[in-house]
Structures are given as C-alpha cells and as structure tokens.
C-alpha cells in the first residue's frame, strides 16, 4: 500500500509506477488540492477543523493528523508493507510522515518512508527536511530520500517539472529495490 502525504507526496504517489494491485491513498490538509485526484481514495486531514485546511503551522497539522488517525488507520488496514510518500520540508507531509510512521511502528506494520528533499532554491525548507530525516531515522525505519538539489545539478537547465518527474522515477526504483530486498529476507 502507498500513502501519499501532503501536496508533494500526493503528487508523487500518483506518478509512481507500481504493480496493478497496489492501493494508493492520498492524505492532505488541503481539501481543494485533493479534489483533483478523483480516481484515488483521498483523506482530508483534520476535516472537522477548518483551520487545518490552511495549515502552515506544524502544531495545527499534528492535531489534524491525530484527529484523522482513525480514518487513516481504517484506510491503511494491516498491509504487508506501508510506503509513506512525502515531500519533506513543507508542513503537512513532513509532520504527518513522522506521526504516521511512529503509529504504524507501534502497530507492527512495516513502513518505508520514500521522500524527496527540497530544491536548492527552497532554503529554509531544506533545513526542515534535514531535521525530518533525522527524526524519521530515530524511529529506525527505512527512509529513502532523493535530494532534489542534487538532481537539479545533474539535470542541468532542464525544466523543474522534468527534474521532479525523473526524481519520482528514481524514488520508485529505490522503493521497489528495497521491497524486493526485504522480500528476499522473509
């Protein structure tokens, strides 16, 4: 199962090349952003809290995610593996990844975090992303990160949308390799 978190995570999850039977669920505080994903199960985080829809405050997002845990857990069920897809550095994806990764670990559900770190021009978001990776690593879960700043350098002056698309393809390959490796050790 794949759970796309936040705006970037939702976008990446819908672009990943996955086996046909893989369920993809998207979760975001931004209901309007979720409305463009008609073919996917979408969960509005903190739907009863109107402030969450405009949440740029980590504590508001944390409350929204915690409020939505029953709905998220019902959608997730008990998969063999949960892949949390997130763009680190923003608020919704960064906060929700940490909350959900911890909760899934408590439930003994294998979790892989598949993330991107921001482009070089995103300044403060890069610092937030670095801290988020440290926080996720402290949970002792596999955290696969594609650094968009590195990708940006290696792709020269290609449009950002192409760089992002290539980064998602790389992240997909990293996840597939990790899952295949884990299956070998079962």
C-alpha atoms as a PDB file:
ATOM      1  CA  UNK A   1       0.000   0.000   0.000  1.00  0.00           C
ATOM      2  CA  UNK A   2       1.153   3.543  -0.777  1.00  0.00           C
ATOM      3  CA  UNK A   3       0.052   6.562   1.253  1.00  0.00           C
ATOM      4  CA  UNK A   4       0.860   9.945  -0.305  1.00  0.00           C
ATOM      5  CA  UNK A   5       1.085  12.659   2.343  1.00  0.00           C
ATOM      6  CA  UNK A   6       0.720  16.383   1.704  1.00  0.00           C
ATOM      7  CA  UNK A   7       0.799  18.110  -1.657  1.00  0.00           C
ATOM      8  CA  UNK A   8       4.124  16.808  -2.969  1.00  0.00           C
ATOM      9  CA  UNK A   9       3.592  13.335  -1.505  1.00  0.00           C
ATOM     10  CA  UNK A  10       0.172  13.044  -3.135  1.00  0.00           C
ATOM     11  CA  UNK A  11       1.563  14.176  -6.467  1.00  0.00           C
ATOM     12  CA  UNK A  12       4.469  11.725  -6.288  1.00  0.00           C
ATOM     13  CA  UNK A  13       2.290   8.801  -5.178  1.00  0.00           C
ATOM     14  CA  UNK A  14       0.049   9.227  -8.223  1.00  0.00           C
ATOM     15  CA  UNK A  15       3.084   9.312 -10.544  1.00  0.00           C
ATOM     16  CA  UNK A  16       4.809   6.216  -9.184  1.00  0.00           C
ATOM     17  CA  UNK A  17       4.892   3.118 -11.358  1.00  0.00           C
ATOM     18  CA  UNK A  18       3.508   0.406  -9.120  1.00  0.00           C
ATOM     19  CA  UNK A  19       2.044  -3.091  -9.560  1.00  0.00           C
ATOM     20  CA  UNK A  20      -1.617  -3.057 -10.581  1.00  0.00           C
ATOM     21  CA  UNK A  21      -2.903  -4.371  -7.253  1.00  0.00           C
ATOM     22  CA  UNK A  22      -1.168  -1.690  -5.201  1.00  0.00           C
ATOM     23  CA  UNK A  23      -3.626   0.507  -3.352  1.00  0.00           C
ATOM     24  CA  UNK A  24      -2.829   4.225  -3.291  1.00  0.00           C
ATOM     25  CA  UNK A  25      -4.396   6.534  -0.710  1.00  0.00           C
ATOM     26  CA  UNK A  26      -3.768  10.280  -0.524  1.00  0.00           C
ATOM     27  CA  UNK A  27      -3.988  12.483   2.562  1.00  0.00           C
ATOM     28  CA  UNK A  28      -3.653  16.236   2.833  1.00  0.00           C
ATOM     29  CA  UNK A  29      -4.940  19.158   4.875  1.00  0.00           C
ATOM     30  CA  UNK A  30      -5.735  20.934   1.602  1.00  0.00           C
ATOM     31  CA  UNK A  31      -9.151  19.640   0.518  1.00  0.00           C
ATOM     32  CA  UNK A  32      -9.055  21.641  -2.708  1.00  0.00           C
ATOM     33  CA  UNK A  33      -5.749  20.014  -3.715  1.00  0.00           C
ATOM     34  CA  UNK A  34      -7.206  16.556  -3.048  1.00  0.00           C
ATOM     35  CA  UNK A  35     -10.203  17.284  -5.287  1.00  0.00           C
ATOM     36  CA  UNK A  36      -8.077  16.850  -8.421  1.00  0.00           C
ATOM     37  CA  UNK A  37      -7.430  13.184  -7.571  1.00  0.00           C
ATOM     38  CA  UNK A  38     -10.839  11.726  -8.444  1.00  0.00           C
ATOM     39  CA  UNK A  39      -9.511   8.209  -9.110  1.00  0.00           C
ATOM     40  CA  UNK A  40      -7.912   7.776  -5.693  1.00  0.00           C
ATOM     41  CA  UNK A  41      -9.142   7.393  -2.140  1.00  0.00           C
ATOM     42  CA  UNK A  42      -8.495  10.767  -0.501  1.00  0.00           C
ATOM     43  CA  UNK A  43      -8.499  11.672   3.165  1.00  0.00           C
ATOM     44  CA  UNK A  44      -8.846  15.281   4.255  1.00  0.00           C
ATOM     45  CA  UNK A  45      -6.692  15.576   7.358  1.00  0.00           C
ATOM     46  CA  UNK A  46      -8.432  17.441  10.142  1.00  0.00           C
ATOM     47  CA  UNK A  47     -11.622  17.745   8.107  1.00  0.00           C
ATOM     48  CA  UNK A  48     -13.586  18.839  11.170  1.00  0.00           C
ATOM     49  CA  UNK A  49     -11.025  21.538  11.886  1.00  0.00           C
ATOM     50  CA  UNK A  50     -11.382  24.310   9.293  1.00  0.00           C
ATOM     51  CA  UNK A  51      -8.056  25.817  10.329  1.00  0.00           C
ATOM     52  CA  UNK A  52      -6.266  22.671   9.143  1.00  0.00           C
ATOM     53  CA  UNK A  53      -7.157  23.462   5.532  1.00  0.00           C
ATOM     54  CA  UNK A  54      -4.860  26.471   5.643  1.00  0.00           C
ATOM     55  CA  UNK A  55      -2.329  24.882   7.959  1.00  0.00           C
ATOM     56  CA  UNK A  56       1.195  26.186   7.783  1.00  0.00           C
ATOM     57  CA  UNK A  57       1.677  25.624  11.490  1.00  0.00           C
ATOM     58  CA  UNK A  58       3.145  22.224  12.478  1.00  0.00           C
ATOM     59  CA  UNK A  59       1.098  22.007  15.685  1.00  0.00           C
ATOM     60  CA  UNK A  60      -2.165  22.531  13.755  1.00  0.00           C
ATOM     61  CA  UNK A  61      -1.146  19.869  11.230  1.00  0.00           C
ATOM     62  CA  UNK A  62      -0.133  17.453  14.003  1.00  0.00           C
ATOM     63  CA  UNK A  63      -3.590  17.890  15.594  1.00  0.00           C
ATOM     64  CA  UNK A  64      -5.231  17.394  12.191  1.00  0.00           C
ATOM     65  CA  UNK A  65      -3.317  14.165  11.595  1.00  0.00           C
ATOM     66  CA  UNK A  66      -4.034  12.878  15.101  1.00  0.00           C
ATOM     67  CA  UNK A  67      -7.734  13.715  14.644  1.00  0.00           C
ATOM     68  CA  UNK A  68      -7.693  11.777  11.367  1.00  0.00           C
ATOM     69  CA  UNK A  69      -5.838   8.702  12.688  1.00  0.00           C
ATOM     70  CA  UNK A  70      -8.990   6.522  12.900  1.00  0.00           C
ATOM     71  CA  UNK A  71      -9.841   7.236   9.251  1.00  0.00           C
ATOM     72  CA  UNK A  72      -6.213   6.796   8.162  1.00  0.00           C
ATOM     73  CA  UNK A  73      -5.873   3.520  10.057  1.00  0.00           C
ATOM     74  CA  UNK A  74      -9.120   2.221   8.556  1.00  0.00           C
ATOM     75  CA  UNK A  75      -7.865   3.046   5.049  1.00  0.00           C
ATOM     76  CA  UNK A  76      -4.453   1.513   5.735  1.00  0.00           C
ATOM     77  CA  UNK A  77      -5.705  -1.671   7.372  1.00  0.00           C
ATOM     78  CA  UNK A  78      -2.887  -4.164   8.002  1.00  0.00           C
ATOM     79  CA  UNK A  79      -0.813  -4.225   4.806  1.00  0.00           C
ATOM     80  CA  UNK A  80       2.316  -6.317   4.345  1.00  0.00           C
ATOM     81  CA  UNK A  81       4.166  -3.028   3.896  1.00  0.00           C
ATOM     82  CA  UNK A  82       3.159   0.633   4.010  1.00  0.00           C
ATOM     83  CA  UNK A  83       5.060   3.090   1.875  1.00  0.00           C
ATOM     84  CA  UNK A  84       4.715   6.691   3.056  1.00  0.00           C
ATOM     85  CA  UNK A  85       5.441   9.031   0.145  1.00  0.00           C
ATOM     86  CA  UNK A  86       6.266  12.568   1.160  1.00  0.00           C
ATOM     87  CA  UNK A  87       7.977  15.738   0.046  1.00  0.00           C
ATOM     88  CA  UNK A  88       9.967  16.783   3.102  1.00  0.00           C
ATOM     89  CA  UNK A  89      10.355  20.433   4.001  1.00  0.00           C
ATOM     90  CA  UNK A  90       6.756  21.551   3.834  1.00  0.00           C
ATOM     91  CA  UNK A  91       4.391  21.239   6.760  1.00  0.00           C
ATOM     92  CA  UNK A  92       1.676  18.673   6.008  1.00  0.00           C
ATOM     93  CA  UNK A  93       3.853  15.909   4.568  1.00  0.00           C
ATOM     94  CA  UNK A  94       6.738  16.428   6.961  1.00  0.00           C
ATOM     95  CA  UNK A  95       4.594  16.403  10.112  1.00  0.00           C
ATOM     96  CA  UNK A  96       2.214  13.651   9.024  1.00  0.00           C
ATOM     97  CA  UNK A  97       5.061  11.324   7.954  1.00  0.00           C
ATOM     98  CA  UNK A  98       6.557  11.416  11.449  1.00  0.00           C
ATOM     99  CA  UNK A  99       3.197  10.911  13.196  1.00  0.00           C
ATOM    100  CA  UNK A 100       2.112   8.050  10.929  1.00  0.00           C
ATOM    101  CA  UNK A 101       5.494   6.328  10.832  1.00  0.00           C
ATOM    102  CA  UNK A 102       5.533   6.221  14.626  1.00  0.00           C
ATOM    103  CA  UNK A 103       1.932   4.989  14.829  1.00  0.00           C
ATOM    104  CA  UNK A 104       2.461   2.259  12.222  1.00  0.00           C
ATOM    105  CA  UNK A 105       5.603   1.079  14.004  1.00  0.00           C
ATOM    106  CA  UNK A 106       3.539   0.803  17.209  1.00  0.00           C
ATOM    107  CA  UNK A 107       1.091  -1.377  15.257  1.00  0.00           C
ATOM    108  CA  UNK A 108       3.976  -3.545  13.935  1.00  0.00           C
ATOM    109  CA  UNK A 109       3.253  -2.585  10.337  1.00  0.00           C
ATOM    110  CA  UNK A 110       6.425  -2.494   8.216  1.00  0.00           C
ATOM    111  CA  UNK A 111       6.931   1.070   6.964  1.00  0.00           C
ATOM    112  CA  UNK A 112       9.188   2.530   4.302  1.00  0.00           C
ATOM    113  CA  UNK A 113       9.387   6.308   4.010  1.00  0.00           C
ATOM    114  CA  UNK A 114      10.004   7.432   0.414  1.00  0.00           C
ATOM    115  CA  UNK A 115      10.773  11.135   0.330  1.00  0.00           C
ATOM    116  CA  UNK A 116      12.211  13.995  -1.607  1.00  0.00           C
ATOM    117  CA  UNK A 117      14.293  16.767  -0.074  1.00  0.00           C
ATOM    118  CA  UNK A 118      13.658  20.263  -1.482  1.00  0.00           C
ATOM    119  CA  UNK A 119      15.316  22.004  -4.432  1.00  0.00           C
ATOM    120  CA  UNK A 120      18.310  24.232  -3.655  1.00  0.00           C
ATOM    121  CA  UNK A 121      16.228  27.420  -4.004  1.00  0.00           C
ATOM    122  CA  UNK A 122      13.934  26.325  -1.162  1.00  0.00           C
ATOM    123  CA  UNK A 123      16.286  27.495   1.624  1.00  0.00           C
ATOM    124  CA  UNK A 124      14.528  27.033   4.984  1.00  0.00           C
ATOM    125  CA  UNK A 125      12.617  24.014   3.721  1.00  0.00           C
ATOM    126  CA  UNK A 126      15.950  22.217   3.249  1.00  0.00           C
ATOM    127  CA  UNK A 127      16.773  22.711   6.936  1.00  0.00           C
ATOM    128  CA  UNK A 128      13.312  21.441   7.918  1.00  0.00           C
ATOM    129  CA  UNK A 129      13.780  18.413   5.639  1.00  0.00           C
ATOM    130  CA  UNK A 130      17.166  17.579   7.194  1.00  0.00           C
ATOM    131  CA  UNK A 131      15.621  17.634  10.670  1.00  0.00           C
ATOM    132  CA  UNK A 132      12.707  15.499   9.446  1.00  0.00           C
ATOM    133  CA  UNK A 133      15.101  12.851   8.095  1.00  0.00           C
ATOM    134  CA  UNK A 134      16.878  12.756  11.460  1.00  0.00           C
ATOM    135  CA  UNK A 135      13.531  12.390  13.239  1.00  0.00           C
ATOM    136  CA  UNK A 136      12.442   9.571  10.911  1.00  0.00           C
ATOM    137  CA  UNK A 137      15.825   7.834  11.249  1.00  0.00           C
ATOM    138  CA  UNK A 138      15.400   7.902  15.030  1.00  0.00           C
ATOM    139  CA  UNK A 139      12.372   5.619  14.542  1.00  0.00           C
ATOM    140  CA  UNK A 140      14.724   3.070  12.964  1.00  0.00           C
ATOM    141  CA  UNK A 141      12.653   2.781   9.791  1.00  0.00           C
ATOM    142  CA  UNK A 142      13.937   2.649   6.220  1.00  0.00           C
ATOM    143  CA  UNK A 143      13.928   6.231   4.910  1.00  0.00           C
ATOM    144  CA  UNK A 144      14.716   6.578   1.208  1.00  0.00           C
ATOM    145  CA  UNK A 145      15.429  10.161   0.146  1.00  0.00           C
ATOM    146  CA  UNK A 146      16.016  11.703  -3.258  1.00  0.00           C
ATOM    147  CA  UNK A 147      17.590  15.121  -2.847  1.00  0.00           C
ATOM    148  CA  UNK A 148      16.069  17.380  -5.496  1.00  0.00           C
ATOM    149  CA  UNK A 149      19.008  19.803  -5.166  1.00  0.00           C
ATOM    150  CA  UNK A 150      21.396  17.045  -6.296  1.00  0.00           C
ATOM    151  CA  UNK A 151      19.006  16.036  -9.056  1.00  0.00           C
ATOM    152  CA  UNK A 152      18.742  19.655 -10.142  1.00  0.00           C
ATOM    153  CA  UNK A 153      22.541  19.878 -10.540  1.00  0.00           C
ATOM    154  CA  UNK A 154      22.794  16.666 -12.510  1.00  0.00           C
ATOM    155  CA  UNK A 155      19.965  17.640 -14.879  1.00  0.00           C
ATOM    156  CA  UNK A 156      21.443  20.995 -15.918  1.00  0.00           C
ATOM    157  CA  UNK A 157      18.912  23.505 -17.176  1.00  0.00           C
ATOM    158  CA  UNK A 158      16.024  21.110 -17.747  1.00  0.00           C
ATOM    159  CA  UNK A 159      12.640  22.404 -16.533  1.00  0.00           C
ATOM    160  CA  UNK A 160      11.912  21.733 -12.849  1.00  0.00           C
ATOM    161  CA  UNK A 161       8.886  19.612 -13.786  1.00  0.00           C
ATOM    162  CA  UNK A 162      11.177  17.233 -15.725  1.00  0.00           C
ATOM    163  CA  UNK A 163      13.653  17.107 -12.852  1.00  0.00           C
ATOM    164  CA  UNK A 164      10.810  16.289 -10.456  1.00  0.00           C
ATOM    165  CA  UNK A 165       9.409  13.589 -12.776  1.00  0.00           C
ATOM    166  CA  UNK A 166      12.854  11.962 -13.026  1.00  0.00           C
ATOM    167  CA  UNK A 167      13.254  12.162  -9.245  1.00  0.00           C
ATOM    168  CA  UNK A 168       9.919  10.362  -8.781  1.00  0.00           C
ATOM    169  CA  UNK A 169      11.066   7.624 -11.170  1.00  0.00           C
ATOM    170  CA  UNK A 170      14.287   7.240  -9.177  1.00  0.00           C
ATOM    171  CA  UNK A 171      12.379   7.161  -5.892  1.00  0.00           C
ATOM    172  CA  UNK A 172      10.059   4.499  -7.327  1.00  0.00           C
ATOM    173  CA  UNK A 173      13.069   2.370  -8.288  1.00  0.00           C
ATOM    174  CA  UNK A 174      14.569   2.822  -4.806  1.00  0.00           C
ATOM    175  CA  UNK A 175      11.320   1.699  -3.180  1.00  0.00           C
ATOM    176  CA  UNK A 176      10.980  -1.308  -5.485  1.00  0.00           C
ATOM    177  CA  UNK A 177      14.586  -2.334  -4.781  1.00  0.00           C
ATOM    178  CA  UNK A 178      14.053  -2.007  -1.047  1.00  0.00           C
ATOM    179  CA  UNK A 179      10.802  -4.003  -1.102  1.00  0.00           C
ATOM    180  CA  UNK A 180      12.376  -6.711  -3.284  1.00  0.00           C
ATOM    181  CA  UNK A 181      15.372  -6.926  -0.942  1.00  0.00           C
ATOM    182  CA  UNK A 182      13.080  -7.163   2.102  1.00  0.00           C
ATOM    183  CA  UNK A 183      11.090  -9.973   0.458  1.00  0.00           C
ATOM    184  CA  UNK A 184      14.306 -11.946  -0.047  1.00  0.00           C
ATOM    185  CA  UNK A 185      14.950 -11.871   3.699  1.00  0.00           C
ATOM    186  CA  UNK A 186      11.489 -13.026   4.781  1.00  0.00           C
END
